[in-house]
N, C-alpha and C. Protein backbone atom coordinates (compact mmCIF):
# COMPACT_ATOMS: atom_id res chain seq x y z
N UNK A 1 5.88 9.69 -8.32
CA UNK A 1 6.16 8.60 -7.40
C UNK A 1 6.52 7.37 -8.22
N UNK A 2 7.59 6.75 -7.86
CA UNK A 2 8.01 5.53 -8.52
C UNK A 2 7.65 4.34 -7.63
N UNK A 3 6.86 3.42 -8.18
CA UNK A 3 6.45 2.23 -7.44
C UNK A 3 7.44 1.11 -7.79
N UNK A 4 8.02 0.51 -6.77
CA UNK A 4 8.98 -0.57 -7.00
C UNK A 4 8.24 -1.88 -7.28
N UNK A 5 8.96 -2.84 -7.83
CA UNK A 5 8.40 -4.17 -8.07
C UNK A 5 7.96 -4.80 -6.74
N UNK A 6 8.76 -4.60 -5.71
CA UNK A 6 8.42 -5.14 -4.39
C UNK A 6 7.08 -4.60 -3.91
N UNK A 7 6.85 -3.29 -4.08
CA UNK A 7 5.59 -2.67 -3.65
C UNK A 7 4.42 -3.17 -4.49
N UNK A 8 4.58 -3.18 -5.80
CA UNK A 8 3.49 -3.61 -6.69
C UNK A 8 3.11 -5.06 -6.44
N UNK A 9 4.09 -5.95 -6.46
CA UNK A 9 3.79 -7.37 -6.29
C UNK A 9 3.38 -7.70 -4.86
N UNK A 10 3.95 -6.99 -3.89
CA UNK A 10 3.53 -7.18 -2.50
C UNK A 10 2.07 -6.81 -2.30
N UNK A 11 1.68 -5.69 -2.90
CA UNK A 11 0.28 -5.27 -2.82
C UNK A 11 -0.63 -6.28 -3.53
N UNK A 12 -0.19 -6.80 -4.65
CA UNK A 12 -0.97 -7.82 -5.36
C UNK A 12 -1.13 -9.08 -4.51
N UNK A 13 -0.08 -9.47 -3.80
CA UNK A 13 -0.18 -10.64 -2.92
C UNK A 13 -1.19 -10.38 -1.81
N UNK A 14 -1.17 -9.17 -1.25
CA UNK A 14 -2.17 -8.82 -0.24
C UNK A 14 -3.57 -8.89 -0.81
N UNK A 15 -3.76 -8.45 -2.05
CA UNK A 15 -5.08 -8.51 -2.68
C UNK A 15 -5.53 -9.94 -2.90
N UNK A 16 -4.60 -10.82 -3.23
CA UNK A 16 -4.94 -12.25 -3.34
C UNK A 16 -5.48 -12.74 -1.99
N UNK A 17 -4.79 -12.39 -0.91
CA UNK A 17 -5.23 -12.79 0.42
C UNK A 17 -6.58 -12.16 0.77
N UNK A 18 -6.77 -10.91 0.38
CA UNK A 18 -8.03 -10.21 0.67
C UNK A 18 -9.21 -10.86 -0.05
N UNK A 19 -9.00 -11.30 -1.29
CA UNK A 19 -10.07 -11.95 -2.05
C UNK A 19 -10.54 -13.23 -1.38
N UNK A 20 -9.67 -13.84 -0.62
CA UNK A 20 -9.98 -15.13 0.02
C UNK A 20 -10.09 -15.01 1.54
N UNK A 21 -10.24 -13.80 2.04
CA UNK A 21 -10.24 -13.56 3.48
C UNK A 21 -11.36 -14.30 4.21
N UNK A 22 -12.50 -14.49 3.56
CA UNK A 22 -13.63 -15.15 4.21
C UNK A 22 -13.51 -16.67 4.23
N UNK A 23 -12.56 -17.20 3.49
CA UNK A 23 -12.40 -18.66 3.42
C UNK A 23 -11.62 -19.15 4.64
N UNK A 24 -11.99 -20.31 5.16
CA UNK A 24 -11.32 -20.82 6.36
C UNK A 24 -9.90 -21.33 6.11
N UNK A 25 -9.62 -21.77 4.89
CA UNK A 25 -8.31 -22.32 4.57
C UNK A 25 -7.42 -21.22 4.01
N UNK A 26 -6.19 -21.10 4.53
CA UNK A 26 -5.28 -20.08 4.00
C UNK A 26 -4.84 -20.42 2.58
N UNK A 27 -4.35 -19.42 1.88
CA UNK A 27 -3.83 -19.62 0.51
C UNK A 27 -2.40 -20.11 0.57
N UNK A 28 -2.07 -21.02 -0.30
CA UNK A 28 -0.68 -21.49 -0.36
C UNK A 28 0.16 -20.48 -1.13
N UNK A 29 1.44 -20.53 -0.88
CA UNK A 29 2.38 -19.67 -1.61
C UNK A 29 2.26 -19.95 -3.09
N UNK A 30 2.15 -21.21 -3.45
CA UNK A 30 2.05 -21.59 -4.87
C UNK A 30 0.80 -20.97 -5.51
N UNK A 31 -0.33 -21.01 -4.81
CA UNK A 31 -1.56 -20.41 -5.35
C UNK A 31 -1.40 -18.91 -5.56
N UNK A 32 -0.80 -18.25 -4.60
CA UNK A 32 -0.59 -16.81 -4.70
C UNK A 32 0.36 -16.50 -5.85
N UNK A 33 1.45 -17.24 -5.92
CA UNK A 33 2.45 -17.03 -6.97
C UNK A 33 1.83 -17.25 -8.35
N UNK A 34 1.08 -18.34 -8.50
CA UNK A 34 0.43 -18.63 -9.78
C UNK A 34 -0.57 -17.54 -10.14
N UNK A 35 -1.33 -17.08 -9.17
CA UNK A 35 -2.34 -16.05 -9.41
C UNK A 35 -1.75 -14.73 -9.87
N UNK A 36 -0.49 -14.48 -9.52
CA UNK A 36 0.16 -13.22 -9.89
C UNK A 36 1.27 -13.38 -10.91
N UNK A 37 1.50 -14.60 -11.37
CA UNK A 37 2.55 -14.82 -12.36
C UNK A 37 3.95 -14.65 -11.79
N UNK A 38 4.13 -15.01 -10.53
CA UNK A 38 5.42 -14.86 -9.84
C UNK A 38 6.01 -16.23 -9.56
N UNK A 39 7.29 -16.26 -9.29
CA UNK A 39 7.89 -17.50 -8.81
C UNK A 39 7.46 -17.70 -7.36
N UNK A 40 7.41 -18.95 -6.94
CA UNK A 40 7.05 -19.24 -5.55
C UNK A 40 8.06 -18.63 -4.58
N UNK A 41 9.33 -18.63 -4.96
CA UNK A 41 10.38 -18.06 -4.10
C UNK A 41 10.15 -16.56 -3.88
N UNK A 42 9.81 -15.84 -4.95
CA UNK A 42 9.59 -14.39 -4.83
C UNK A 42 8.32 -14.11 -4.03
N UNK A 43 7.25 -14.89 -4.29
CA UNK A 43 6.01 -14.72 -3.52
C UNK A 43 6.27 -14.97 -2.04
N UNK A 44 7.05 -15.99 -1.74
CA UNK A 44 7.39 -16.31 -0.34
C UNK A 44 8.15 -15.15 0.30
N UNK A 45 9.09 -14.56 -0.42
CA UNK A 45 9.85 -13.42 0.08
C UNK A 45 8.90 -12.26 0.41
N UNK A 46 7.99 -11.96 -0.50
CA UNK A 46 7.03 -10.87 -0.29
C UNK A 46 6.14 -11.16 0.91
N UNK A 47 5.67 -12.38 1.01
CA UNK A 47 4.77 -12.75 2.11
C UNK A 47 5.49 -12.71 3.46
N UNK A 48 6.78 -13.03 3.48
CA UNK A 48 7.54 -12.90 4.73
C UNK A 48 7.64 -11.44 5.15
N UNK A 49 7.88 -10.56 4.19
CA UNK A 49 7.94 -9.12 4.49
C UNK A 49 6.60 -8.65 5.04
N UNK A 50 5.52 -9.04 4.39
CA UNK A 50 4.18 -8.65 4.83
C UNK A 50 3.83 -9.25 6.19
N UNK A 51 4.30 -10.44 6.42
CA UNK A 51 4.07 -11.11 7.71
C UNK A 51 4.84 -10.39 8.83
N UNK A 52 6.10 -10.05 8.58
CA UNK A 52 6.90 -9.32 9.58
C UNK A 52 6.27 -7.96 9.91
N UNK A 53 5.60 -7.38 8.94
CA UNK A 53 4.96 -6.07 9.14
C UNK A 53 3.59 -6.20 9.81
N UNK A 54 3.13 -7.43 10.03
CA UNK A 54 1.86 -7.64 10.70
C UNK A 54 0.64 -7.54 9.80
N UNK A 55 0.85 -7.60 8.48
CA UNK A 55 -0.28 -7.51 7.55
C UNK A 55 -0.78 -8.89 7.12
N UNK A 56 0.09 -9.88 7.15
CA UNK A 56 -0.27 -11.25 6.80
C UNK A 56 0.25 -12.15 7.90
N UNK A 57 -0.30 -13.36 7.94
CA UNK A 57 0.21 -14.32 8.91
C UNK A 57 0.35 -15.69 8.26
N UNK A 58 1.37 -16.38 8.70
CA UNK A 58 1.66 -17.71 8.19
C UNK A 58 0.91 -18.74 9.02
N UNK A 59 0.34 -19.72 8.33
CA UNK A 59 -0.34 -20.83 9.01
C UNK A 59 0.45 -22.08 8.66
N UNK A 60 0.95 -22.75 9.67
CA UNK A 60 1.77 -23.93 9.46
C UNK A 60 0.89 -25.17 9.32
N UNK A 61 1.48 -26.21 8.76
CA UNK A 61 0.81 -27.49 8.70
C UNK A 61 0.44 -27.90 7.29
N UNK A 62 -0.21 -29.07 7.20
CA UNK A 62 -0.59 -29.64 5.91
C UNK A 62 -1.49 -28.70 5.12
N UNK A 63 -2.39 -28.05 5.79
CA UNK A 63 -3.30 -27.11 5.13
C UNK A 63 -2.87 -25.67 5.40
N UNK A 64 -1.57 -25.47 5.51
CA UNK A 64 -1.03 -24.16 5.82
C UNK A 64 -0.94 -23.25 4.62
N UNK A 65 -0.48 -22.08 4.88
CA UNK A 65 -0.34 -21.06 3.85
C UNK A 65 -0.31 -19.70 4.51
N UNK A 66 -0.91 -18.73 3.85
CA UNK A 66 -0.96 -17.37 4.37
C UNK A 66 -2.38 -16.84 4.34
N UNK A 67 -2.65 -15.94 5.27
CA UNK A 67 -3.92 -15.20 5.28
C UNK A 67 -3.64 -13.81 5.86
N UNK A 68 -4.60 -12.92 5.67
CA UNK A 68 -4.45 -11.57 6.23
C UNK A 68 -4.48 -11.66 7.74
N UNK A 69 -3.77 -10.77 8.39
CA UNK A 69 -3.76 -10.75 9.85
C UNK A 69 -4.97 -10.02 10.43
N UNK A 70 -5.63 -9.23 9.60
CA UNK A 70 -6.89 -8.58 9.99
C UNK A 70 -7.74 -8.41 8.74
N UNK A 71 -8.93 -7.93 8.90
CA UNK A 71 -9.86 -7.86 7.77
C UNK A 71 -9.36 -6.89 6.69
N UNK A 72 -9.77 -7.12 5.43
CA UNK A 72 -9.35 -6.24 4.33
C UNK A 72 -9.82 -4.79 4.52
N UNK A 73 -10.83 -4.59 5.34
CA UNK A 73 -11.31 -3.23 5.62
C UNK A 73 -10.35 -2.49 6.55
N UNK A 74 -9.50 -3.23 7.26
CA UNK A 74 -8.62 -2.62 8.26
C UNK A 74 -7.15 -2.57 7.83
N UNK A 75 -6.87 -2.90 6.58
CA UNK A 75 -5.51 -2.78 6.03
C UNK A 75 -5.59 -1.83 4.84
N UNK A 76 -4.76 -0.81 4.83
CA UNK A 76 -4.79 0.18 3.75
C UNK A 76 -3.60 0.03 2.81
N UNK A 77 -3.71 0.69 1.67
CA UNK A 77 -2.58 0.73 0.74
C UNK A 77 -1.37 1.38 1.44
N UNK A 78 -1.64 2.38 2.25
CA UNK A 78 -0.56 3.03 3.00
C UNK A 78 0.17 2.04 3.89
N UNK A 79 -0.58 1.16 4.59
CA UNK A 79 0.04 0.12 5.41
C UNK A 79 0.98 -0.74 4.57
N UNK A 80 0.48 -1.13 3.40
CA UNK A 80 1.26 -1.99 2.51
C UNK A 80 2.53 -1.29 2.03
N UNK A 81 2.41 -0.04 1.60
CA UNK A 81 3.59 0.68 1.10
C UNK A 81 4.63 0.86 2.19
N UNK A 82 4.18 1.18 3.41
CA UNK A 82 5.15 1.33 4.50
C UNK A 82 5.86 0.01 4.78
N UNK A 83 5.14 -1.10 4.69
CA UNK A 83 5.73 -2.42 4.94
C UNK A 83 6.71 -2.83 3.83
N UNK A 84 6.41 -2.42 2.62
CA UNK A 84 7.17 -2.90 1.46
C UNK A 84 8.29 -1.97 1.00
N UNK A 85 8.47 -0.86 1.65
CA UNK A 85 9.56 0.00 1.24
C UNK A 85 9.38 1.44 1.64
N UNK A 86 8.21 1.78 2.05
CA UNK A 86 7.99 3.12 2.53
C UNK A 86 7.50 4.07 1.47
N UNK A 87 6.96 5.15 1.95
CA UNK A 87 6.45 6.21 1.09
C UNK A 87 7.53 7.29 1.03
N UNK A 88 7.64 7.95 -0.09
CA UNK A 88 8.63 8.99 -0.31
C UNK A 88 8.92 9.80 0.94
N UNK A 89 10.18 9.92 1.28
CA UNK A 89 10.61 10.77 2.39
C UNK A 89 11.14 12.07 1.81
N UNK A 90 10.82 13.21 2.43
CA UNK A 90 11.32 14.49 1.92
C UNK A 90 12.84 14.54 1.88
N UNK A 91 13.51 13.75 2.71
CA UNK A 91 14.97 13.75 2.73
C UNK A 91 15.57 12.88 1.63
N UNK A 92 14.77 12.00 1.01
CA UNK A 92 15.30 11.11 -0.03
C UNK A 92 16.02 11.86 -1.15
N UNK A 93 15.40 12.86 -1.76
CA UNK A 93 16.12 13.58 -2.83
C UNK A 93 17.40 14.26 -2.31
N UNK A 94 17.39 14.71 -1.07
CA UNK A 94 18.57 15.36 -0.49
C UNK A 94 19.73 14.39 -0.38
N UNK A 95 19.42 13.12 -0.11
CA UNK A 95 20.46 12.10 0.01
C UNK A 95 20.86 11.51 -1.35
N UNK A 96 19.90 11.39 -2.25
CA UNK A 96 20.14 10.71 -3.52
C UNK A 96 20.72 11.60 -4.60
N UNK A 97 20.40 12.87 -4.59
CA UNK A 97 20.81 13.76 -5.68
C UNK A 97 21.80 14.81 -5.18
N UNK A 98 23.01 14.34 -4.94
CA UNK A 98 24.03 15.20 -4.34
C UNK A 98 25.04 15.71 -5.34
N UNK A 99 24.82 15.37 -6.61
CA UNK A 99 25.82 15.76 -7.60
C UNK A 99 27.12 15.03 -7.34
N UNK A 100 28.22 15.79 -7.35
CA UNK A 100 29.53 15.19 -7.10
C UNK A 100 29.95 15.31 -5.64
N UNK A 101 29.04 15.71 -4.79
CA UNK A 101 29.36 15.93 -3.39
C UNK A 101 28.77 14.82 -2.51
N UNK A 102 29.15 14.86 -1.24
CA UNK A 102 28.63 13.88 -0.27
C UNK A 102 27.20 14.22 0.16
N UNK A 103 26.87 15.51 0.14
CA UNK A 103 25.50 15.91 0.48
C UNK A 103 25.06 17.02 -0.47
N UNK A 104 23.79 17.25 -0.51
CA UNK A 104 23.21 18.24 -1.42
C UNK A 104 23.74 19.64 -1.10
N UNK A 105 24.01 20.41 -2.11
CA UNK A 105 24.53 21.77 -1.91
C UNK A 105 23.47 22.69 -1.29
N UNK A 106 22.21 22.27 -1.32
CA UNK A 106 21.12 23.08 -0.78
C UNK A 106 20.63 22.56 0.57
N UNK A 107 21.44 21.75 1.24
CA UNK A 107 21.00 21.11 2.48
C UNK A 107 20.57 22.12 3.54
N UNK A 108 21.20 23.27 3.60
CA UNK A 108 20.86 24.28 4.60
C UNK A 108 19.63 25.10 4.25
N UNK A 109 19.40 25.34 2.99
CA UNK A 109 18.26 26.16 2.55
C UNK A 109 17.78 25.60 1.22
N UNK A 110 16.62 24.93 1.27
CA UNK A 110 16.13 24.24 0.08
C UNK A 110 14.68 24.62 -0.22
N UNK A 111 14.44 25.08 -1.40
CA UNK A 111 13.07 25.40 -1.81
C UNK A 111 12.27 24.18 -2.21
N UNK A 112 12.95 23.09 -2.55
CA UNK A 112 12.25 21.88 -2.97
C UNK A 112 11.78 21.01 -1.80
N UNK A 113 12.52 21.00 -0.70
CA UNK A 113 12.19 20.13 0.43
C UNK A 113 10.74 20.34 0.93
N UNK A 114 10.24 21.58 1.05
CA UNK A 114 8.85 21.75 1.45
C UNK A 114 7.85 21.16 0.45
N UNK A 115 8.21 21.20 -0.83
CA UNK A 115 7.34 20.60 -1.86
C UNK A 115 7.28 19.10 -1.67
N UNK A 116 8.45 18.46 -1.49
CA UNK A 116 8.46 17.00 -1.29
C UNK A 116 7.74 16.63 0.00
N UNK A 117 7.85 17.46 1.01
CA UNK A 117 7.13 17.20 2.27
C UNK A 117 5.62 17.23 2.05
N UNK A 118 5.16 18.23 1.31
CA UNK A 118 3.72 18.34 1.03
C UNK A 118 3.23 17.16 0.19
N UNK A 119 4.03 16.75 -0.79
CA UNK A 119 3.67 15.59 -1.62
C UNK A 119 3.56 14.35 -0.75
N UNK A 120 4.52 14.14 0.13
CA UNK A 120 4.51 12.97 1.01
C UNK A 120 3.27 12.96 1.90
N UNK A 121 2.96 14.09 2.49
CA UNK A 121 1.80 14.18 3.39
C UNK A 121 0.51 13.88 2.63
N UNK A 122 0.33 14.50 1.46
CA UNK A 122 -0.88 14.28 0.67
C UNK A 122 -0.98 12.83 0.20
N UNK A 123 0.15 12.28 -0.22
CA UNK A 123 0.16 10.89 -0.68
C UNK A 123 -0.19 9.94 0.46
N UNK A 124 0.40 10.16 1.63
CA UNK A 124 0.08 9.32 2.78
C UNK A 124 -1.40 9.42 3.13
N UNK A 125 -1.94 10.64 3.13
CA UNK A 125 -3.37 10.81 3.42
C UNK A 125 -4.22 10.01 2.45
N UNK A 126 -3.89 10.08 1.19
CA UNK A 126 -4.66 9.36 0.18
C UNK A 126 -4.52 7.85 0.36
N UNK A 127 -3.29 7.35 0.45
CA UNK A 127 -3.07 5.90 0.55
C UNK A 127 -3.62 5.32 1.84
N UNK A 128 -3.63 6.11 2.91
CA UNK A 128 -4.17 5.64 4.19
C UNK A 128 -5.70 5.61 4.19
N UNK A 129 -6.33 6.17 3.18
CA UNK A 129 -7.79 6.17 3.08
C UNK A 129 -8.32 5.03 2.21
N UNK A 130 -7.44 4.26 1.62
CA UNK A 130 -7.86 3.22 0.69
C UNK A 130 -7.63 1.84 1.30
N UNK A 131 -8.69 1.22 1.84
CA UNK A 131 -8.53 -0.13 2.38
C UNK A 131 -8.46 -1.17 1.25
N UNK A 132 -7.87 -2.30 1.54
CA UNK A 132 -7.79 -3.37 0.55
C UNK A 132 -9.17 -3.76 0.04
N UNK A 133 -10.17 -3.72 0.91
CA UNK A 133 -11.52 -4.12 0.50
C UNK A 133 -12.02 -3.28 -0.67
N UNK A 134 -11.64 -2.02 -0.72
CA UNK A 134 -12.05 -1.16 -1.83
C UNK A 134 -11.44 -1.64 -3.15
N UNK A 135 -10.22 -2.13 -3.09
CA UNK A 135 -9.53 -2.58 -4.30
C UNK A 135 -10.09 -3.88 -4.85
N UNK A 136 -11.03 -4.48 -4.13
CA UNK A 136 -11.67 -5.70 -4.61
C UNK A 136 -12.92 -5.39 -5.44
N UNK A 137 -13.30 -4.12 -5.49
CA UNK A 137 -14.45 -3.69 -6.28
C UNK A 137 -14.06 -3.61 -7.76
N UNK A 138 -15.02 -3.24 -8.59
CA UNK A 138 -14.73 -3.12 -10.02
C UNK A 138 -13.85 -1.89 -10.27
N UNK A 139 -13.11 -1.92 -11.35
CA UNK A 139 -12.24 -0.80 -11.69
C UNK A 139 -13.05 0.49 -11.86
N UNK A 140 -14.22 0.38 -12.46
CA UNK A 140 -15.07 1.56 -12.66
C UNK A 140 -15.51 2.16 -11.33
N UNK A 141 -15.90 1.31 -10.40
CA UNK A 141 -16.32 1.79 -9.08
C UNK A 141 -15.17 2.46 -8.35
N UNK A 142 -14.01 1.85 -8.41
CA UNK A 142 -12.83 2.43 -7.74
C UNK A 142 -12.48 3.78 -8.38
N UNK A 143 -12.54 3.87 -9.70
CA UNK A 143 -12.23 5.13 -10.40
C UNK A 143 -13.17 6.24 -9.95
N UNK A 144 -14.46 5.94 -9.84
CA UNK A 144 -15.43 6.96 -9.39
C UNK A 144 -15.10 7.42 -7.98
N UNK A 145 -14.76 6.49 -7.10
CA UNK A 145 -14.42 6.85 -5.72
C UNK A 145 -13.14 7.69 -5.67
N UNK A 146 -12.17 7.35 -6.49
CA UNK A 146 -10.93 8.11 -6.50
C UNK A 146 -11.13 9.52 -7.02
N UNK A 147 -12.03 9.71 -7.96
CA UNK A 147 -12.30 11.06 -8.45
C UNK A 147 -12.74 11.95 -7.29
N UNK A 148 -13.60 11.46 -6.43
CA UNK A 148 -14.10 12.23 -5.29
C UNK A 148 -13.03 12.40 -4.23
N UNK A 149 -12.37 11.31 -3.87
CA UNK A 149 -11.43 11.35 -2.76
C UNK A 149 -10.13 12.05 -3.14
N UNK A 150 -9.71 11.96 -4.37
CA UNK A 150 -8.49 12.65 -4.79
C UNK A 150 -8.67 14.15 -4.64
N UNK A 151 -9.80 14.66 -5.04
CA UNK A 151 -10.08 16.08 -4.87
C UNK A 151 -10.09 16.44 -3.40
N UNK A 152 -10.73 15.62 -2.57
CA UNK A 152 -10.78 15.89 -1.13
C UNK A 152 -9.38 15.83 -0.52
N UNK A 153 -8.58 14.86 -0.93
CA UNK A 153 -7.23 14.73 -0.37
C UNK A 153 -6.34 15.90 -0.77
N UNK A 154 -6.60 16.48 -1.91
CA UNK A 154 -5.81 17.62 -2.35
C UNK A 154 -6.25 18.93 -1.70
N UNK A 155 -7.48 18.97 -1.21
CA UNK A 155 -7.99 20.20 -0.63
C UNK A 155 -8.04 20.19 0.89
N UNK A 156 -8.17 19.01 1.50
CA UNK A 156 -8.23 18.90 2.95
C UNK A 156 -7.43 17.69 3.41
N UNK A 157 -6.65 17.82 4.49
CA UNK A 157 -5.92 16.66 5.00
C UNK A 157 -6.85 15.53 5.43
N UNK A 158 -8.03 15.84 5.91
CA UNK A 158 -8.95 14.81 6.38
C UNK A 158 -10.10 14.66 5.40
N UNK A 159 -9.79 14.36 4.15
CA UNK A 159 -10.82 14.20 3.12
C UNK A 159 -11.65 12.96 3.32
N UNK A 160 -12.60 12.76 2.43
CA UNK A 160 -13.48 11.60 2.50
C UNK A 160 -12.68 10.32 2.36
N UNK A 161 -13.17 9.28 2.98
CA UNK A 161 -12.49 7.99 2.92
C UNK A 161 -13.01 7.18 1.75
N UNK A 162 -12.11 6.60 1.00
CA UNK A 162 -12.52 5.77 -0.14
C UNK A 162 -13.24 4.55 0.40
N UNK A 163 -14.35 4.23 -0.23
CA UNK A 163 -15.14 3.08 0.20
C UNK A 163 -16.16 3.47 1.26
N UNK A 164 -16.18 4.73 1.67
CA UNK A 164 -17.13 5.20 2.69
C UNK A 164 -17.91 6.38 2.15
N UNK A 165 -19.17 6.45 2.50
CA UNK A 165 -19.99 7.63 2.20
C UNK A 165 -19.69 8.60 3.33
N UNK A 166 -19.00 9.71 3.04
CA UNK A 166 -18.51 10.60 4.09
C UNK A 166 -19.63 11.20 4.92
N UNK A 167 -20.81 11.41 4.36
CA UNK A 167 -21.90 11.99 5.13
C UNK A 167 -22.52 10.97 6.07
N UNK A 168 -22.69 9.76 5.61
CA UNK A 168 -23.40 8.76 6.41
C UNK A 168 -22.44 7.81 7.13
N UNK A 169 -21.16 7.79 6.70
CA UNK A 169 -20.23 6.87 7.30
C UNK A 169 -20.47 5.43 6.88
N UNK A 170 -21.20 5.24 5.81
CA UNK A 170 -21.53 3.91 5.33
C UNK A 170 -20.58 3.49 4.22
N UNK A 171 -20.31 2.20 4.15
CA UNK A 171 -19.50 1.66 3.05
C UNK A 171 -20.33 1.64 1.81
N UNK A 172 -19.74 2.07 0.68
CA UNK A 172 -20.48 2.08 -0.58
C UNK A 172 -20.46 0.74 -1.23
């Protein structure tokens, strides 16, 4: 999977908003841009995309800025990726890798398309299980959770949710 700059920086902007979700004052574009080493113009572009997707909201006025549209527990990495460019589509390779032709020579019968479909489904399952709130934990804690959930996501479509104790339904 190739992560675009738009996806990486957009997700980072969401994490900036998530870190400050409990604060009453929204974050300014300048604060977000500075926190991520981005230009204000690029941060503004990313925040507009996230706002149009319903993940962030703009607050106008002297003390305006941006904030999450819902709690960090209710926004997933999958939500962010879909807003910022989407998750791999099984048809993408068929459209992009056509050789010298207008369409792929294997369009009618393709052994790879089912593989890309399975990858997309598993990736979506995994990314949809990771709320922004989990990404605010320590790297070590997140790594431990991913070890468990990655195995579950590869073996069952409805694996354990990251940040949740699957038996008790409690947040870790």
